[in-house]
């Protein structure tokens, strides 16, 4: 897997939410200006967290070269500093290691505000890491069979958290129709049940409200493996 991903959490005071969103819009435009134009920025998406006023998350996914270059341009650097100036607590940027990723072209000027995104977090025993990663590859293949061809899925990724054995995150971006139809096909539910049986704590599925998103078509999730 050659992709590198991050999940960045930010928080503005509720009374500074408007100014914070102005800053995030500026950051998105700077990334579009300085870093798009190649396949190195696979996904850059900014979201509100509807259940937590003032909280935002950015999902980033790059090639190794794109990760190395991200933020080195003056426009992105200045825009990010303006965002940081509005935060009420330090931001958290979590490195993620993709197991499987898939996405469609998303031009920077596309309106994604009617779409739905989700962050799905699970934890398994460290002794079951090989099993869950095999199952998550199966999930990507099941999604390919059931949903990727519908035009209703924009980004889908299964990712592990390095340094925290057993913790995994799935990032999902659908149209509203795709979110409603998710996991209703024949292939995904049986694989999801196998995953559920390995969990040591209840899963967390948090809705993210997309504000801006850009990306390029990509697909990398390897061959099916045997448990």
Protein backbone atom coordinates (compact mmCIF):
# COMPACT_ATOMS: atom_id res chain seq x y z
CA UNK A 1 0.00 0.00 0.00
CA UNK A 2 1.52 3.29 -1.09
CA UNK A 3 -1.05 5.69 0.35
CA UNK A 4 -0.71 7.65 3.60
CA UNK A 5 -3.77 9.01 5.43
CA UNK A 6 -4.53 11.29 8.36
CA UNK A 7 -7.56 12.24 10.41
CA UNK A 8 -7.22 15.72 11.88
CA UNK A 9 -9.56 16.95 14.63
CA UNK A 10 -10.09 20.68 15.24
CA UNK A 11 -12.24 22.67 17.63
CA UNK A 12 -13.39 26.29 17.53
CA UNK A 13 -15.36 28.08 20.23
CA UNK A 14 -19.04 28.06 19.18
CA UNK A 15 -19.05 31.86 18.99
CA UNK A 16 -16.07 31.68 16.60
CA UNK A 17 -17.57 29.03 14.36
CA UNK A 18 -18.17 31.38 11.43
CA UNK A 19 -14.61 32.72 11.47
CA UNK A 20 -13.29 29.18 11.86
CA UNK A 21 -15.20 28.02 8.80
CA UNK A 22 -13.89 30.98 6.81
CA UNK A 23 -10.41 29.78 7.73
CA UNK A 24 -11.19 26.19 6.72
CA UNK A 25 -12.55 27.39 3.38
CA UNK A 26 -9.31 29.29 2.85
CA UNK A 27 -7.28 26.18 3.70
CA UNK A 28 -9.27 24.08 1.24
CA UNK A 29 -8.79 26.63 -1.53
CA UNK A 30 -5.05 26.78 -0.82
CA UNK A 31 -4.74 22.99 -1.06
CA UNK A 32 -6.72 23.05 -4.32
CA UNK A 33 -4.49 25.82 -5.66
CA UNK A 34 -1.07 24.46 -4.66
CA UNK A 35 -1.43 20.71 -4.45
CA UNK A 36 -4.02 19.58 -6.98
CA UNK A 37 -3.11 18.91 -10.59
CA UNK A 38 -1.46 15.56 -9.95
CA UNK A 39 -2.62 12.25 -8.49
CA UNK A 40 -0.69 12.81 -5.26
CA UNK A 41 -3.64 14.25 -3.31
CA UNK A 42 -6.06 11.34 -3.34
CA UNK A 43 -8.56 12.84 -0.88
CA UNK A 44 -8.75 16.10 1.06
CA UNK A 45 -12.11 16.56 2.77
CA UNK A 46 -13.25 18.93 5.52
CA UNK A 47 -16.29 18.12 7.68
CA UNK A 48 -18.38 19.48 10.50
CA UNK A 49 -19.38 17.08 13.26
CA UNK A 50 -23.13 17.74 13.52
CA UNK A 51 -23.45 16.30 17.02
CA UNK A 52 -20.64 18.48 18.43
CA UNK A 53 -20.91 22.20 17.68
CA UNK A 54 -17.50 23.72 17.00
CA UNK A 55 -15.85 20.37 16.18
CA UNK A 56 -14.43 19.61 12.71
CA UNK A 57 -12.47 16.82 11.10
CA UNK A 58 -10.25 16.71 8.02
CA UNK A 59 -9.63 13.42 6.21
CA UNK A 60 -6.43 13.51 4.16
CA UNK A 61 -5.04 10.79 1.90
CA UNK A 62 -1.89 11.14 -0.20
CA UNK A 63 0.66 9.18 -2.11
CA UNK A 64 4.00 9.06 -0.32
CA UNK A 65 5.26 11.90 -2.52
CA UNK A 66 2.10 13.90 -1.92
CA UNK A 67 2.43 13.44 1.82
CA UNK A 68 6.02 14.67 1.68
CA UNK A 69 5.02 17.81 -0.23
CA UNK A 70 1.80 18.61 1.63
CA UNK A 71 1.92 21.93 3.43
CA UNK A 72 5.23 23.05 1.97
CA UNK A 73 3.63 25.70 -0.26
CA UNK A 74 3.24 29.21 1.08
CA UNK A 75 -0.53 29.44 0.55
CA UNK A 76 -1.30 26.22 2.45
CA UNK A 77 1.13 27.14 5.22
CA UNK A 78 -0.40 30.59 5.70
CA UNK A 79 -3.96 29.29 5.52
CA UNK A 80 -3.29 26.61 8.13
CA UNK A 81 -1.76 29.17 10.49
CA UNK A 82 -4.95 31.24 10.18
CA UNK A 83 -6.98 28.16 11.14
CA UNK A 84 -4.71 27.44 14.11
CA UNK A 85 -5.18 30.97 15.40
CA UNK A 86 -8.91 30.27 15.87
CA UNK A 87 -8.61 26.96 17.73
CA UNK A 88 -9.46 26.76 21.43
CA UNK A 89 -7.51 23.51 22.00
CA UNK A 90 -4.52 22.04 20.15
CA UNK A 91 -5.45 20.09 17.07
CA UNK A 92 -4.94 16.32 16.88
CA UNK A 93 -3.62 14.72 13.68
CA UNK A 94 -3.72 10.92 13.69
CA UNK A 95 -1.64 8.98 11.18
CA UNK A 96 -3.56 6.17 9.48
CA UNK A 97 -2.17 3.28 7.47
CA UNK A 98 -4.56 2.25 4.68
CA UNK A 99 -5.49 -1.39 4.25
CA UNK A 100 -7.80 -0.67 1.34
CA UNK A 101 -8.81 2.59 -0.34
CA UNK A 102 -11.09 3.51 -3.22
CA UNK A 103 -12.40 6.81 -4.55
CA UNK A 104 -13.72 8.74 -7.52
CA UNK A 105 -12.67 12.05 -9.04
CA UNK A 106 -13.89 14.96 -6.93
CA UNK A 107 -13.10 18.36 -8.46
CA UNK A 108 -12.55 21.14 -5.91
CA UNK A 109 -15.61 23.07 -7.06
CA UNK A 110 -18.01 20.13 -6.61
CA UNK A 111 -20.84 20.71 -4.13
CA UNK A 112 -20.70 17.93 -1.53
CA UNK A 113 -22.90 19.55 1.10
CA UNK A 114 -25.82 17.20 0.41
CA UNK A 115 -23.59 14.12 0.76
CA UNK A 116 -23.07 12.05 3.90
CA UNK A 117 -19.78 10.95 5.44
CA UNK A 118 -19.12 8.57 8.31
CA UNK A 119 -16.16 7.67 10.51
CA UNK A 120 -16.44 4.10 11.69
CA UNK A 121 -14.10 3.05 14.54
CA UNK A 122 -13.57 -0.51 15.75
CA UNK A 123 -11.24 -2.30 18.14
CA UNK A 124 -10.18 -5.94 18.16
CA UNK A 125 -7.74 -7.90 20.27
CA UNK A 126 -4.12 -7.45 19.12
CA UNK A 127 -4.05 -11.22 18.64
CA UNK A 128 -6.73 -10.86 15.95
CA UNK A 129 -4.96 -8.23 13.84
CA UNK A 130 -4.28 -10.61 10.94
CA UNK A 131 -7.87 -11.81 10.97
CA UNK A 132 -9.42 -8.32 10.97
CA UNK A 133 -7.14 -7.07 8.21
CA UNK A 134 -8.10 -10.06 6.07
CA UNK A 135 -11.76 -9.30 6.76
CA UNK A 136 -11.30 -5.62 5.93
CA UNK A 137 -9.84 -6.60 2.56
CA UNK A 138 -12.94 -8.76 2.08
CA UNK A 139 -15.06 -5.70 2.90
CA UNK A 140 -13.40 -3.74 0.09
CA UNK A 141 -14.11 -6.55 -2.38
CA UNK A 142 -17.71 -6.79 -1.16
CA UNK A 143 -18.09 -3.04 -1.64
CA UNK A 144 -16.72 -3.42 -5.15
CA UNK A 145 -19.35 -6.07 -5.86
CA UNK A 146 -22.29 -4.28 -4.23
CA UNK A 147 -21.74 -0.52 -4.27
CA UNK A 148 -18.70 0.96 -6.01
CA UNK A 149 -20.32 0.70 -9.42
CA UNK A 150 -23.52 2.50 -8.41
CA UNK A 151 -22.11 6.03 -8.59
CA UNK A 152 -23.28 6.66 -5.03
CA UNK A 153 -19.94 6.03 -3.25
CA UNK A 154 -17.31 8.77 -3.47
CA UNK A 155 -14.60 7.56 -1.05
CA UNK A 156 -14.25 4.40 0.97
CA UNK A 157 -11.26 3.35 3.04
CA UNK A 158 -10.31 0.80 5.67
CA UNK A 159 -7.38 2.00 7.79
CA UNK A 160 -5.39 0.93 10.82
CA UNK A 161 -3.95 3.20 13.50
CA UNK A 162 -0.19 2.56 13.78
CA UNK A 163 1.03 2.28 17.33
CA UNK A 164 -2.40 1.26 18.64
CA UNK A 165 -2.66 -2.43 17.79
CA UNK A 166 -6.23 -3.51 17.24
CA UNK A 167 -7.71 -0.08 16.47
CA UNK A 168 -9.13 0.50 12.99
CA UNK A 169 -10.99 3.32 11.27
CA UNK A 170 -13.17 3.25 8.18
CA UNK A 171 -13.81 6.48 6.31
CA UNK A 172 -16.95 6.54 4.15
CA UNK A 173 -18.26 9.24 1.78
CA UNK A 174 -21.57 8.60 0.04
CA UNK A 175 -24.25 10.55 -1.70
CA UNK A 176 -27.37 10.73 0.47
CA UNK A 177 -28.89 7.89 -1.58
CA UNK A 178 -25.72 5.84 -1.27
CA UNK A 179 -25.66 6.26 2.50
CA UNK A 180 -29.26 5.09 2.75
CA UNK A 181 -28.54 2.06 0.57
CA UNK A 182 -25.23 1.12 2.20
CA UNK A 183 -24.82 -2.50 3.36
CA UNK A 184 -28.10 -3.62 1.79
CA UNK A 185 -26.53 -5.65 -1.00
CA UNK A 186 -25.82 -9.40 -0.90
CA UNK A 187 -22.05 -9.37 -0.38
CA UNK A 188 -21.29 -6.93 2.42
CA UNK A 189 -23.57 -8.00 5.34
CA UNK A 190 -22.01 -11.48 5.79
CA UNK A 191 -18.52 -9.99 5.84
CA UNK A 192 -19.65 -7.30 8.27
CA UNK A 193 -20.97 -10.01 10.57
CA UNK A 194 -17.55 -11.70 10.61
CA UNK A 195 -16.00 -8.40 11.56
CA UNK A 196 -18.56 -7.82 14.30
CA UNK A 197 -17.66 -11.13 15.93
CA UNK A 198 -14.07 -9.99 16.47
CA UNK A 199 -14.83 -6.70 18.21
CA UNK A 200 -13.84 -6.33 21.86
CA UNK A 201 -15.80 -3.09 22.33
CA UNK A 202 -18.89 -1.69 20.65
CA UNK A 203 -18.15 0.02 17.36
CA UNK A 204 -18.51 3.79 16.97
CA UNK A 205 -20.03 5.26 13.81
CA UNK A 206 -19.94 9.04 13.79
CA UNK A 207 -21.65 11.16 11.17
CA UNK A 208 -19.50 13.78 9.45
CA UNK A 209 -21.11 16.60 7.46
CA UNK A 210 -18.97 17.33 4.39
CA UNK A 211 -18.22 20.99 3.70
CA UNK A 212 -15.57 20.64 0.99
CA UNK A 213 -13.93 17.66 -0.70
CA UNK A 214 -11.54 17.07 -3.54
CA UNK A 215 -9.76 14.00 -4.81
CA UNK A 216 -8.74 11.79 -7.69
CA UNK A 217 -9.84 8.38 -8.85
CA UNK A 218 -7.90 5.67 -7.02
CA UNK A 219 -8.27 2.01 -6.08
CA UNK A 220 -5.90 -0.12 -4.00
CA UNK A 221 -7.10 -2.93 -1.79
CA UNK A 222 -5.15 -6.03 -2.70
CA UNK A 223 -6.22 -9.59 -3.34
CA UNK A 224 -8.50 -11.63 -1.14
CA UNK A 225 -6.67 -13.68 1.49
CA UNK A 226 -7.68 -16.77 3.43
CA UNK A 227 -8.21 -16.64 7.18
